Amino acid sequence: MLIKEIEQFIEEDLGHDDISCTLVPDRSAEAIIFTKEACTVAGLGEAGAIFNYLGVRAETSLKEGDELEAGALIFRLKGGAVSILRAERLALNFLGHLSGIASLTSSCVKLVRKHSKSTRVACTRKTTPGIRKFEKRAVVAGGGDAHRFNLSDSIMIKDNHIQLMGIEAAIRAARKASFTKKIEVEVESEGAAVLAAGLGADIIMLDNMKPEEIVSTLKVLEEKGLKQSVLVEASGGISRENLEEYAKTGVDVISMGALIHKARWTDISLEVINYAE
């Protein structure tokens, strides 16, 4: 986490007239952070950076992606009482939000692994503005793939690109624009998938296609000798509830916006355990 980010987050939370935290005498204090429920923990670096910036020593033996039982200790804290109180909500927000994402991702990855050892579970760019990198890191902590961090990571030709210029022209333009970036084409039918693969797309995203349609498309790509040269990704309307059916298709990647926007926060708390007289 960058210093400017920490300062922006702290400014948002403290405001200009923090009376609440300064009510207590600013003496040395010790505190613990623990989870109230089982989770896959994430956000350790972010929380640690916030405490460190405010002069609080935050110690942990954990690493991103560790699986914890309810009641497990996450941090031991030592520092000024006012600083601990000021860092509390901001640090817990990151830990709770990112651990929720990591926990949902982990459960999805485990479900997919029952049917495929190679299929990747990825997130999308459906993220919270301003904290995308943290949310995507949480997906990685849960065993998932971050997909593109931004539009510059690869070239994606989506439905509106195709509507405006067609698949062939869009792929030609992408090839001309860069020789280093992979080209991904979003398609909604078996025929469009075959066309995109034949034109040299690196990745084909099967958008909002049913599992049986995906199986059929993979079979046709194999029969035409195109499957070995392209990665096939399933996306659109996939959630924890219907994930298993997509995992059974044998697709290379399953991308889910739900990993982030449907993740429930993990219940994590801070408790002061010692306060100098």
Foldseek 3Di string as FASTA:
>chain_A
DDPVLLVVLLCVQCPDDRPPLVVDPFFKFKKWKFFQAKWQWALLVVLCVNLVVLPKHWDAPDDQRDTDGGGDTGIIIIGTSSSCVSSFVVSLVLGQQLRLLLRQLLVLVVLLCVADPFAAEEEDPLADPPCLVRNLVSNVSSVHHDPDSDCPQADEAEPVNCVVPRLLVVVVVRVVVDVPHAYEYEDAALVVQLVNLVSPHAEYEHEPDFLVRLLVSCVVCVVVVRNVRHAYEYEYPDDSVCSNSNSNSPHRYYYDNCSNPVGGTTHMHMDIDGGDD
